[in-house]
């Protein structure tokens, strides 16, 4: 059915905020409070919402399991999958930045710069055209710890207020890409379900 659509939602605050944009429309999600189910529909049964890890949203959309996805730009940049990014949802705003102790970037210009990050592919893309040798250290937890204990020279991470960095004696050395929630779409779905995708864009745009 061409008017049936599946939307992958990133688990957590970012995805929940996206679902709020569908409230009071015919695509509003129907679910029981505190349900642990991962698949839900709207009242008409035409829209299916699937809840997945943020890093998996882009994969589900690229493979066509989901037609659309709501996910942060940070995940899109890191995963670098073959999808269309069609809308900035204008919330969840923050930015990527290089952070560390003052002058650490210039100190390491002629040496190997050790970079700790949750986003190794993104770091690689940022530094591939720079005249700087790097070693990327993949971390899943608090990357701010890495420069403090000598694991890395700098970090690349998402920064919202910068308070966590300052609390740990670190500072922003360079601002990188702006981050916010985005709407992505499968390339085939964009062609064959264009009308319903346009409707969703209007809903999410507040029209």
N, C-alpha and C. Protein backbone atom coordinates (compact mmCIF):
# COMPACT_ATOMS: atom_id res chain seq x y z
N UNK A 1 0.85 -1.21 0.00
CA UNK A 1 0.00 0.00 0.00
C UNK A 1 0.88 1.24 0.00
N UNK A 2 0.62 2.11 -0.95
CA UNK A 2 1.46 3.29 -1.11
C UNK A 2 1.27 4.32 0.01
N UNK A 3 0.11 4.28 0.68
CA UNK A 3 -0.09 5.28 1.74
C UNK A 3 0.27 4.72 3.12
N UNK A 4 0.73 3.45 3.17
CA UNK A 4 1.27 2.90 4.42
C UNK A 4 2.73 3.31 4.55
N UNK A 5 3.14 3.66 5.75
CA UNK A 5 4.49 4.17 5.92
C UNK A 5 5.06 3.65 7.24
N UNK A 6 6.36 3.37 7.26
CA UNK A 6 7.03 2.93 8.47
C UNK A 6 8.09 3.96 8.84
N UNK A 7 8.08 4.38 10.11
CA UNK A 7 9.01 5.40 10.58
C UNK A 7 9.86 4.84 11.71
N UNK A 8 11.17 4.87 11.55
CA UNK A 8 12.09 4.44 12.60
C UNK A 8 12.35 5.62 13.53
N UNK A 9 12.15 5.37 14.82
CA UNK A 9 12.31 6.42 15.82
C UNK A 9 13.48 6.07 16.72
N UNK A 10 14.38 7.03 16.92
CA UNK A 10 15.50 6.81 17.84
C UNK A 10 14.97 6.77 19.27
N UNK A 11 15.31 5.70 19.99
CA UNK A 11 14.90 5.62 21.39
C UNK A 11 15.50 6.79 22.17
N UNK A 12 14.72 7.28 23.13
CA UNK A 12 15.24 8.37 23.96
C UNK A 12 14.52 9.69 23.71
N UNK A 13 15.05 10.76 24.28
CA UNK A 13 14.39 12.07 24.24
C UNK A 13 14.21 12.60 22.83
N UNK A 14 15.22 12.38 21.98
CA UNK A 14 15.16 12.92 20.63
C UNK A 14 13.97 12.34 19.87
N UNK A 15 13.80 11.02 19.95
CA UNK A 15 12.70 10.36 19.27
C UNK A 15 11.35 10.72 19.85
N UNK A 16 11.28 10.77 21.18
CA UNK A 16 10.02 11.12 21.84
C UNK A 16 9.57 12.52 21.45
N UNK A 17 10.50 13.41 21.35
CA UNK A 17 10.18 14.79 20.93
C UNK A 17 9.63 14.78 19.50
N UNK A 18 10.18 13.93 18.66
CA UNK A 18 9.69 13.81 17.29
C UNK A 18 8.27 13.30 17.25
N UNK A 19 7.96 12.31 18.12
CA UNK A 19 6.60 11.77 18.17
C UNK A 19 5.58 12.83 18.59
N UNK A 20 6.00 13.75 19.44
CA UNK A 20 5.10 14.82 19.88
C UNK A 20 4.61 15.67 18.71
N UNK A 21 5.42 15.75 17.66
CA UNK A 21 5.05 16.55 16.50
C UNK A 21 3.87 15.95 15.73
N UNK A 22 3.62 14.64 15.95
CA UNK A 22 2.50 13.98 15.29
C UNK A 22 1.20 14.04 16.12
N UNK A 23 1.29 14.59 17.33
CA UNK A 23 0.11 14.66 18.20
C UNK A 23 -0.99 15.47 17.55
N UNK A 24 -2.23 15.01 17.78
CA UNK A 24 -3.43 15.68 17.25
C UNK A 24 -3.48 15.67 15.73
N UNK A 25 -2.80 14.70 15.10
CA UNK A 25 -2.95 14.47 13.67
C UNK A 25 -3.43 13.04 13.48
N UNK A 26 -3.80 12.68 12.24
CA UNK A 26 -4.27 11.31 12.02
C UNK A 26 -3.13 10.29 12.01
N UNK A 27 -1.90 10.78 12.25
CA UNK A 27 -0.75 9.87 12.33
C UNK A 27 -0.25 9.73 13.77
N UNK A 28 -1.01 10.23 14.73
CA UNK A 28 -0.59 10.15 16.14
C UNK A 28 -0.44 8.70 16.58
N UNK A 29 0.64 8.41 17.29
CA UNK A 29 0.92 7.06 17.73
C UNK A 29 -0.09 6.61 18.79
N UNK A 30 -0.46 5.32 18.75
CA UNK A 30 -1.33 4.74 19.77
C UNK A 30 -0.52 3.71 20.54
N UNK A 31 -0.33 3.94 21.83
CA UNK A 31 0.45 2.98 22.63
C UNK A 31 0.02 3.04 24.09
N UNK A 32 0.23 1.93 24.76
CA UNK A 32 -0.10 1.85 26.17
C UNK A 32 1.04 2.49 26.98
N UNK A 33 0.66 3.13 28.06
CA UNK A 33 1.66 3.80 28.90
C UNK A 33 2.64 2.77 29.47
N UNK A 34 3.92 3.12 29.44
CA UNK A 34 5.00 2.28 29.96
C UNK A 34 5.15 0.94 29.23
N UNK A 35 4.60 0.86 28.02
CA UNK A 35 4.75 -0.38 27.24
C UNK A 35 6.19 -0.56 26.80
N UNK A 36 6.63 -1.82 26.79
CA UNK A 36 7.99 -2.12 26.34
C UNK A 36 8.00 -2.63 24.90
N UNK A 37 6.87 -2.57 24.26
CA UNK A 37 6.81 -2.97 22.85
C UNK A 37 7.70 -2.05 22.01
N UNK A 38 8.14 -2.55 20.88
CA UNK A 38 9.02 -1.78 20.01
C UNK A 38 8.35 -1.36 18.71
N UNK A 39 7.13 -1.87 18.48
CA UNK A 39 6.40 -1.55 17.25
C UNK A 39 5.00 -1.08 17.61
N UNK A 40 4.61 0.08 17.08
CA UNK A 40 3.29 0.66 17.34
C UNK A 40 2.71 1.20 16.03
N UNK A 41 1.40 1.45 16.05
CA UNK A 41 0.75 2.02 14.87
C UNK A 41 -0.06 3.25 15.27
N UNK A 42 -0.56 3.96 14.26
CA UNK A 42 -1.50 5.04 14.52
C UNK A 42 -2.91 4.44 14.57
N UNK A 43 -3.91 5.27 14.83
CA UNK A 43 -5.28 4.78 15.01
C UNK A 43 -5.82 4.10 13.75
N UNK A 44 -5.40 4.57 12.58
CA UNK A 44 -5.88 4.00 11.32
C UNK A 44 -5.09 2.77 10.89
N UNK A 45 -3.97 2.53 11.56
CA UNK A 45 -3.16 1.37 11.22
C UNK A 45 -2.33 1.55 9.97
N UNK A 46 -2.19 2.79 9.51
CA UNK A 46 -1.43 3.03 8.27
C UNK A 46 0.02 3.45 8.52
N UNK A 47 0.26 3.99 9.71
CA UNK A 47 1.62 4.41 10.05
C UNK A 47 2.17 3.47 11.12
N UNK A 48 3.32 2.88 10.85
CA UNK A 48 3.98 1.99 11.81
C UNK A 48 5.21 2.70 12.35
N UNK A 49 5.33 2.72 13.67
CA UNK A 49 6.50 3.30 14.31
C UNK A 49 7.33 2.19 14.93
N UNK A 50 8.60 2.16 14.61
CA UNK A 50 9.49 1.17 15.22
C UNK A 50 10.57 1.91 16.01
N UNK A 51 10.82 1.44 17.23
CA UNK A 51 11.78 2.09 18.12
C UNK A 51 13.09 1.30 18.12
N UNK A 52 14.17 1.98 17.74
CA UNK A 52 15.47 1.31 17.63
C UNK A 52 16.57 2.21 18.23
N UNK A 53 17.73 1.63 18.44
CA UNK A 53 18.87 2.42 18.91
C UNK A 53 19.16 3.53 17.89
N UNK A 54 19.55 4.71 18.36
CA UNK A 54 19.83 5.81 17.42
C UNK A 54 20.77 5.42 16.28
N UNK A 55 21.83 4.67 16.62
CA UNK A 55 22.80 4.30 15.58
C UNK A 55 22.22 3.36 14.54
N UNK A 56 21.09 2.69 14.85
CA UNK A 56 20.47 1.76 13.91
C UNK A 56 19.41 2.41 13.01
N UNK A 57 18.96 3.60 13.37
CA UNK A 57 17.90 4.25 12.58
C UNK A 57 18.32 4.38 11.12
N UNK A 58 19.54 4.85 10.90
CA UNK A 58 20.00 5.09 9.53
C UNK A 58 20.08 3.79 8.75
N UNK A 59 20.48 2.70 9.42
CA UNK A 59 20.57 1.40 8.76
C UNK A 59 19.18 0.90 8.35
N UNK A 60 18.20 1.01 9.25
CA UNK A 60 16.84 0.58 8.93
C UNK A 60 16.29 1.35 7.72
N UNK A 61 16.59 2.63 7.67
CA UNK A 61 16.09 3.45 6.55
C UNK A 61 16.84 3.11 5.27
N UNK A 62 18.14 2.97 5.33
CA UNK A 62 18.91 2.65 4.13
C UNK A 62 18.45 1.33 3.53
N UNK A 63 18.18 0.33 4.39
CA UNK A 63 17.80 -1.00 3.90
C UNK A 63 16.33 -1.07 3.49
N UNK A 64 15.55 -0.02 3.75
CA UNK A 64 14.15 0.00 3.33
C UNK A 64 13.20 -0.67 4.29
N UNK A 65 13.69 -1.12 5.45
CA UNK A 65 12.80 -1.68 6.47
C UNK A 65 11.91 -0.57 7.01
N UNK A 66 12.47 0.63 7.10
CA UNK A 66 11.70 1.83 7.43
C UNK A 66 11.78 2.79 6.26
N UNK A 67 10.67 3.47 5.99
CA UNK A 67 10.67 4.47 4.92
C UNK A 67 11.34 5.76 5.37
N UNK A 68 11.09 6.10 6.64
CA UNK A 68 11.59 7.36 7.19
C UNK A 68 12.24 7.10 8.54
N UNK A 69 13.04 8.05 8.99
CA UNK A 69 13.63 7.96 10.32
C UNK A 69 13.80 9.33 10.93
N UNK A 70 13.68 9.39 12.25
CA UNK A 70 13.97 10.61 12.99
C UNK A 70 15.17 10.32 13.87
N UNK A 71 16.27 11.07 13.63
CA UNK A 71 17.53 10.77 14.31
C UNK A 71 18.40 12.01 14.31
N UNK A 72 19.39 12.03 15.19
CA UNK A 72 20.29 13.17 15.27
C UNK A 72 21.28 13.22 14.11
N UNK A 73 21.67 14.42 13.75
CA UNK A 73 22.65 14.61 12.67
C UNK A 73 23.98 13.95 13.01
N UNK A 74 24.31 13.84 14.30
CA UNK A 74 25.56 13.19 14.70
C UNK A 74 25.60 11.74 14.22
N UNK A 75 24.46 11.05 14.33
CA UNK A 75 24.38 9.65 13.89
C UNK A 75 24.49 9.57 12.36
N UNK A 76 23.84 10.49 11.67
CA UNK A 76 23.90 10.52 10.21
C UNK A 76 25.34 10.70 9.73
N UNK A 77 26.07 11.62 10.36
CA UNK A 77 27.45 11.88 9.98
C UNK A 77 28.35 10.67 10.28
N UNK A 78 28.12 10.04 11.41
CA UNK A 78 28.97 8.90 11.80
C UNK A 78 28.69 7.68 10.93
N UNK A 79 27.41 7.40 10.67
CA UNK A 79 27.04 6.18 9.93
C UNK A 79 27.27 6.33 8.43
N UNK A 80 27.09 7.55 7.91
CA UNK A 80 27.38 7.85 6.49
C UNK A 80 26.71 6.85 5.53
N UNK A 81 25.41 6.61 5.75
CA UNK A 81 24.67 5.66 4.91
C UNK A 81 24.04 6.37 3.71
N UNK A 82 23.54 5.55 2.79
CA UNK A 82 22.99 6.07 1.53
C UNK A 82 21.50 6.38 1.68
N UNK A 83 21.21 7.51 2.32
CA UNK A 83 19.82 7.94 2.54
C UNK A 83 19.72 9.43 2.19
N UNK A 84 18.49 9.89 2.02
CA UNK A 84 18.26 11.32 1.84
C UNK A 84 17.97 11.95 3.20
N UNK A 85 18.59 13.07 3.47
CA UNK A 85 18.24 13.88 4.64
C UNK A 85 17.35 15.01 4.12
N UNK A 86 16.08 15.01 4.50
CA UNK A 86 15.14 15.92 3.84
C UNK A 86 14.63 17.06 4.72
N UNK A 87 14.92 17.00 6.02
CA UNK A 87 14.35 18.05 6.87
C UNK A 87 15.13 18.20 8.17
N UNK A 88 15.42 19.44 8.52
CA UNK A 88 15.97 19.76 9.83
C UNK A 88 14.78 20.04 10.75
N UNK A 89 14.63 19.21 11.79
CA UNK A 89 13.46 19.34 12.67
C UNK A 89 13.65 20.43 13.73
N UNK A 90 14.84 21.02 13.76
CA UNK A 90 15.06 22.25 14.52
C UNK A 90 14.91 22.07 16.03
N UNK A 91 15.24 20.90 16.53
CA UNK A 91 15.33 20.72 17.99
C UNK A 91 16.49 19.77 18.28
N UNK A 92 16.81 19.61 19.56
CA UNK A 92 17.98 18.80 19.91
C UNK A 92 19.27 19.43 19.43
N UNK A 93 19.33 20.75 19.49
CA UNK A 93 20.48 21.45 18.91
C UNK A 93 21.72 21.37 19.79
N UNK A 94 22.84 21.07 19.15
CA UNK A 94 24.15 21.08 19.80
C UNK A 94 25.18 21.12 18.67
N UNK A 95 26.42 20.78 18.96
CA UNK A 95 27.42 20.82 17.90
C UNK A 95 28.55 19.86 18.21
N UNK A 96 29.22 19.42 17.15
CA UNK A 96 30.46 18.67 17.32
C UNK A 96 31.58 19.67 17.59
N UNK A 97 32.52 19.28 18.41
CA UNK A 97 33.67 20.15 18.67
C UNK A 97 34.89 19.31 19.03
N UNK A 98 36.06 19.87 18.74
CA UNK A 98 37.30 19.32 19.26
C UNK A 98 37.56 20.04 20.58
N UNK A 99 37.85 19.27 21.62
CA UNK A 99 38.06 19.87 22.94
C UNK A 99 39.26 19.23 23.62
N UNK A 100 39.84 19.98 24.55
CA UNK A 100 40.99 19.48 25.29
C UNK A 100 41.62 20.59 26.09
N UNK A 101 42.88 20.41 26.47
CA UNK A 101 43.60 21.47 27.17
C UNK A 101 44.08 22.51 26.15
N UNK A 102 44.22 23.72 26.59
CA UNK A 102 44.62 24.83 25.71
C UNK A 102 45.91 24.51 24.96
N UNK A 103 45.93 24.89 23.67
CA UNK A 103 47.11 24.76 22.79
C UNK A 103 47.49 23.32 22.44
N UNK A 104 46.67 22.35 22.84
CA UNK A 104 47.05 20.95 22.59
C UNK A 104 47.07 20.63 21.09
N UNK A 105 46.19 21.27 20.30
CA UNK A 105 46.19 21.02 18.86
C UNK A 105 47.49 21.49 18.22
N UNK A 106 47.90 22.71 18.53
CA UNK A 106 49.13 23.25 17.93
C UNK A 106 50.37 22.54 18.46
N UNK A 107 50.33 22.09 19.72
CA UNK A 107 51.46 21.37 20.30
C UNK A 107 51.77 20.08 19.55
N UNK A 108 50.72 19.48 18.98
CA UNK A 108 50.86 18.17 18.34
C UNK A 108 50.94 18.25 16.81
N UNK A 109 51.16 19.44 16.29
CA UNK A 109 51.12 19.62 14.83
C UNK A 109 52.10 18.70 14.10
N UNK A 110 53.26 18.48 14.68
CA UNK A 110 54.28 17.66 14.02
C UNK A 110 54.39 16.26 14.63
N UNK A 111 53.41 15.91 15.41
CA UNK A 111 53.41 14.62 16.09
C UNK A 111 52.08 13.91 15.83
N UNK A 112 51.89 12.72 16.36
CA UNK A 112 50.62 12.01 16.24
C UNK A 112 49.64 12.57 17.27
N UNK A 113 48.50 13.04 16.82
CA UNK A 113 47.47 13.57 17.70
C UNK A 113 46.53 12.43 18.08
N UNK A 114 46.44 12.14 19.36
CA UNK A 114 45.57 11.07 19.84
C UNK A 114 44.19 11.67 20.15
N UNK A 115 43.17 11.12 19.50
CA UNK A 115 41.81 11.68 19.61
C UNK A 115 40.86 10.62 20.15
N UNK A 116 40.23 10.90 21.28
CA UNK A 116 39.22 9.99 21.83
C UNK A 116 37.84 10.46 21.41
N UNK A 117 36.98 9.52 21.00
CA UNK A 117 35.66 9.89 20.53
C UNK A 117 34.73 8.68 20.48
N UNK A 118 33.44 8.95 20.58
CA UNK A 118 32.43 7.93 20.32
C UNK A 118 32.15 7.83 18.82
N UNK A 119 32.76 8.72 18.04
CA UNK A 119 32.43 8.85 16.62
C UNK A 119 33.68 8.72 15.75
N UNK A 120 34.27 7.52 15.68
CA UNK A 120 35.54 7.35 14.95
C UNK A 120 35.46 7.65 13.45
N UNK A 121 34.35 7.25 12.81
CA UNK A 121 34.23 7.50 11.37
C UNK A 121 34.15 8.99 11.07
N UNK A 122 33.42 9.70 11.92
CA UNK A 122 33.31 11.15 11.76
C UNK A 122 34.67 11.82 11.95
N UNK A 123 35.40 11.40 12.99
CA UNK A 123 36.73 11.97 13.24
C UNK A 123 37.63 11.74 12.03
N UNK A 124 37.58 10.53 11.48
CA UNK A 124 38.39 10.21 10.30
C UNK A 124 38.06 11.15 9.15
N UNK A 125 36.78 11.41 8.93
CA UNK A 125 36.36 12.28 7.82
C UNK A 125 36.80 13.73 8.04
N UNK A 126 36.82 14.16 9.29
CA UNK A 126 37.22 15.54 9.60
C UNK A 126 38.71 15.75 9.35
N UNK A 127 39.52 14.75 9.69
CA UNK A 127 40.97 14.92 9.64
C UNK A 127 41.61 14.39 8.36
N UNK A 128 40.82 13.78 7.45
CA UNK A 128 41.45 13.12 6.31
C UNK A 128 42.16 14.09 5.37
N UNK A 129 41.71 15.35 5.34
CA UNK A 129 42.35 16.32 4.46
C UNK A 129 43.21 17.33 5.22
N UNK A 130 43.49 17.03 6.47
CA UNK A 130 44.35 17.90 7.27
C UNK A 130 45.76 17.32 7.32
N UNK A 131 46.71 18.19 7.37
CA UNK A 131 48.10 17.74 7.45
C UNK A 131 48.44 17.41 8.91
N UNK A 132 47.78 16.34 9.40
CA UNK A 132 47.96 15.96 10.80
C UNK A 132 47.83 14.45 10.93
N UNK A 133 48.84 13.81 11.49
CA UNK A 133 48.75 12.39 11.76
C UNK A 133 47.91 12.19 13.03
N UNK A 134 47.04 11.19 12.98
CA UNK A 134 46.14 10.99 14.12
C UNK A 134 46.07 9.52 14.52
N UNK A 135 45.71 9.31 15.77
CA UNK A 135 45.33 7.99 16.27
C UNK A 135 43.96 8.15 16.92
N UNK A 136 42.98 7.38 16.46
CA UNK A 136 41.62 7.50 16.99
C UNK A 136 41.40 6.42 18.05
N UNK A 137 40.95 6.85 19.20
CA UNK A 137 40.65 5.93 20.30
C UNK A 137 39.14 5.92 20.51
N UNK A 138 38.51 4.80 20.20
CA UNK A 138 37.05 4.69 20.30
C UNK A 138 36.64 4.43 21.75
N UNK A 139 35.78 5.31 22.26
CA UNK A 139 35.24 5.15 23.60
C UNK A 139 33.72 5.17 23.53
N UNK A 140 33.08 4.50 24.48
CA UNK A 140 31.62 4.50 24.53
C UNK A 140 31.07 5.31 25.70
N UNK A 141 31.92 5.61 26.66
CA UNK A 141 31.48 6.33 27.85
C UNK A 141 31.89 7.78 27.85
N UNK A 142 32.23 8.30 29.02
CA UNK A 142 32.56 9.72 29.18
C UNK A 142 33.92 10.02 28.56
N UNK A 143 33.89 10.57 27.35
CA UNK A 143 35.16 10.83 26.65
C UNK A 143 35.96 11.94 27.31
N UNK A 144 35.30 12.80 28.11
CA UNK A 144 36.01 13.91 28.77
C UNK A 144 37.14 13.39 29.68
N UNK A 145 37.00 12.15 30.11
CA UNK A 145 38.00 11.57 31.01
C UNK A 145 39.34 11.34 30.30
N UNK A 146 39.29 11.07 29.01
CA UNK A 146 40.48 10.63 28.27
C UNK A 146 41.66 11.60 28.36
N UNK A 147 41.47 12.92 28.12
CA UNK A 147 42.62 13.83 28.25
C UNK A 147 43.10 13.98 29.70
N UNK A 148 42.18 13.83 30.63
CA UNK A 148 42.52 14.03 32.05
C UNK A 148 43.49 12.97 32.56
N UNK A 149 43.38 11.75 32.02
CA UNK A 149 44.24 10.66 32.49
C UNK A 149 45.33 10.30 31.48
N UNK A 150 45.45 11.13 30.42
CA UNK A 150 46.52 10.91 29.45
C UNK A 150 46.25 9.87 28.40
N UNK A 151 45.00 9.43 28.27
CA UNK A 151 44.66 8.45 27.22
C UNK A 151 44.68 9.10 25.84
N UNK A 152 44.28 10.38 25.77
CA UNK A 152 44.26 11.09 24.49
C UNK A 152 44.74 12.52 24.69
N UNK A 153 45.06 13.15 23.56
CA UNK A 153 45.44 14.57 23.60
C UNK A 153 44.19 15.45 23.58
N UNK A 154 43.23 15.08 22.74
CA UNK A 154 41.98 15.83 22.60
C UNK A 154 40.83 14.86 22.47
N UNK A 155 39.62 15.40 22.47
CA UNK A 155 38.42 14.60 22.20
C UNK A 155 37.62 15.26 21.10
N UNK A 156 36.82 14.49 20.41
CA UNK A 156 35.79 15.02 19.51
C UNK A 156 34.47 14.50 20.04
N UNK A 157 33.60 15.43 20.41
CA UNK A 157 32.34 15.02 21.02
C UNK A 157 31.27 16.06 20.74
N UNK A 158 30.04 15.72 21.14
CA UNK A 158 28.93 16.65 21.05
C UNK A 158 28.97 17.60 22.24
N UNK A 159 28.80 18.87 21.95
CA UNK A 159 28.79 19.89 23.01
C UNK A 159 27.47 20.65 22.94
N UNK A 160 26.81 20.74 24.09
CA UNK A 160 25.57 21.51 24.16
C UNK A 160 25.82 22.84 24.87
N UNK A 161 26.17 22.79 26.13
CA UNK A 161 26.45 24.02 26.89
C UNK A 161 27.94 24.23 27.13
N UNK A 162 28.72 23.16 27.11
CA UNK A 162 30.14 23.25 27.41
C UNK A 162 30.45 23.15 28.90
N UNK A 163 29.40 23.00 29.72
CA UNK A 163 29.61 22.96 31.17
C UNK A 163 30.44 21.76 31.62
N UNK A 164 30.17 20.59 31.02
CA UNK A 164 30.92 19.39 31.41
C UNK A 164 32.40 19.56 31.10
N UNK A 165 32.69 20.17 29.96
CA UNK A 165 34.09 20.41 29.61
C UNK A 165 34.74 21.33 30.63
N UNK A 166 34.08 22.45 30.92
CA UNK A 166 34.65 23.42 31.87
C UNK A 166 34.83 22.82 33.25
N UNK A 167 33.87 22.01 33.67
CA UNK A 167 33.96 21.38 34.98
C UNK A 167 35.19 20.46 35.09
N UNK A 168 35.65 19.98 33.95
CA UNK A 168 36.81 19.08 33.94
C UNK A 168 38.08 19.78 33.46
N UNK A 169 38.05 21.11 33.39
CA UNK A 169 39.24 21.88 33.03
C UNK A 169 39.58 21.85 31.56
N UNK A 170 38.62 21.45 30.72
CA UNK A 170 38.84 21.40 29.28
C UNK A 170 38.15 22.58 28.60
N UNK A 171 38.54 22.84 27.36
CA UNK A 171 37.90 23.92 26.61
C UNK A 171 37.73 23.52 25.15
N UNK A 172 36.82 24.21 24.49
CA UNK A 172 36.60 23.96 23.06
C UNK A 172 37.77 24.54 22.29
N UNK A 173 38.41 23.72 21.48
CA UNK A 173 39.54 24.15 20.66
C UNK A 173 39.11 24.49 19.24
N UNK A 174 38.03 23.83 18.79
CA UNK A 174 37.53 24.10 17.44
C UNK A 174 36.09 23.61 17.33
N UNK A 175 35.20 24.47 16.86
CA UNK A 175 33.83 24.06 16.58
C UNK A 175 33.77 23.37 15.22
N UNK A 176 32.95 22.32 15.14
CA UNK A 176 32.79 21.56 13.89
C UNK A 176 31.34 21.67 13.42
N UNK A 177 30.70 20.55 13.10
CA UNK A 177 29.36 20.58 12.51
C UNK A 177 28.26 20.86 13.53
N UNK A 178 27.24 21.58 13.08
CA UNK A 178 26.04 21.80 13.88
C UNK A 178 25.18 20.54 13.86
N UNK A 179 24.58 20.23 15.01
CA UNK A 179 23.80 19.00 15.17
C UNK A 179 22.38 19.37 15.57
N UNK A 180 21.40 18.62 15.05
CA UNK A 180 20.00 18.72 15.49
C UNK A 180 19.28 17.48 15.00
N UNK A 181 18.02 17.33 15.37
CA UNK A 181 17.24 16.19 14.90
C UNK A 181 16.90 16.38 13.42
N UNK A 182 16.98 15.31 12.67
CA UNK A 182 16.72 15.37 11.22
C UNK A 182 15.73 14.27 10.81
N UNK A 183 15.04 14.53 9.71
CA UNK A 183 14.18 13.53 9.09
C UNK A 183 14.92 12.97 7.89
N UNK A 184 15.10 11.64 7.88
CA UNK A 184 15.76 10.99 6.75
C UNK A 184 14.78 10.05 6.06
N UNK A 185 15.06 9.74 4.81
CA UNK A 185 14.13 8.92 4.03
C UNK A 185 14.90 7.94 3.14
N UNK A 186 14.35 6.77 2.97
CA UNK A 186 14.87 5.78 2.05
C UNK A 186 14.71 6.30 0.62
N UNK A 187 15.71 6.11 -0.21
CA UNK A 187 15.69 6.70 -1.55
C UNK A 187 14.56 6.15 -2.43
N UNK A 188 14.28 4.85 -2.31
CA UNK A 188 13.20 4.26 -3.10
C UNK A 188 11.85 4.74 -2.59
N UNK A 189 11.70 4.80 -1.27
CA UNK A 189 10.45 5.29 -0.68
C UNK A 189 10.17 6.73 -1.10
N UNK A 190 11.22 7.53 -1.18
CA UNK A 190 11.03 8.94 -1.56
C UNK A 190 10.43 9.04 -2.96
N UNK A 191 10.76 8.10 -3.80
CA UNK A 191 10.23 8.11 -5.17
C UNK A 191 8.80 7.59 -5.22
N UNK A 192 8.52 6.48 -4.51
CA UNK A 192 7.23 5.81 -4.66
C UNK A 192 6.19 6.22 -3.61
N UNK A 193 6.63 6.87 -2.54
CA UNK A 193 5.68 7.31 -1.50
C UNK A 193 5.79 8.82 -1.30
N UNK A 194 6.05 9.51 -2.37
CA UNK A 194 6.35 10.94 -2.29
C UNK A 194 5.21 11.74 -1.67
N UNK A 195 3.97 11.42 -2.03
CA UNK A 195 2.82 12.20 -1.53
C UNK A 195 2.68 12.11 -0.01
N UNK A 196 2.77 10.90 0.53
CA UNK A 196 2.62 10.74 1.98
C UNK A 196 3.84 11.31 2.71
N UNK A 197 5.01 11.24 2.09
CA UNK A 197 6.20 11.83 2.71
C UNK A 197 6.08 13.36 2.74
N UNK A 198 5.52 13.93 1.69
CA UNK A 198 5.27 15.38 1.71
C UNK A 198 4.30 15.76 2.81
N UNK A 199 3.29 14.94 3.02
CA UNK A 199 2.33 15.18 4.10
C UNK A 199 3.03 15.18 5.45
N UNK A 200 3.93 14.22 5.65
CA UNK A 200 4.67 14.14 6.90
C UNK A 200 5.56 15.36 7.08
N UNK A 201 6.18 15.81 6.01
CA UNK A 201 7.01 17.02 6.08
C UNK A 201 6.16 18.23 6.53
N UNK A 202 4.94 18.30 6.00
CA UNK A 202 4.06 19.42 6.40
C UNK A 202 3.70 19.32 7.88
N UNK A 203 3.41 18.10 8.35
CA UNK A 203 3.07 17.91 9.77
C UNK A 203 4.25 18.31 10.65
N UNK A 204 5.42 17.82 10.30
CA UNK A 204 6.61 18.08 11.13
C UNK A 204 7.05 19.53 11.04
N UNK A 205 6.68 20.17 9.95
CA UNK A 205 7.00 21.60 9.80
C UNK A 205 5.99 22.51 10.46
N UNK A 206 4.95 21.92 11.06
CA UNK A 206 3.96 22.71 11.79
C UNK A 206 2.91 23.36 10.91
N UNK A 207 2.79 22.88 9.66
CA UNK A 207 1.77 23.48 8.77
C UNK A 207 0.40 22.87 9.00
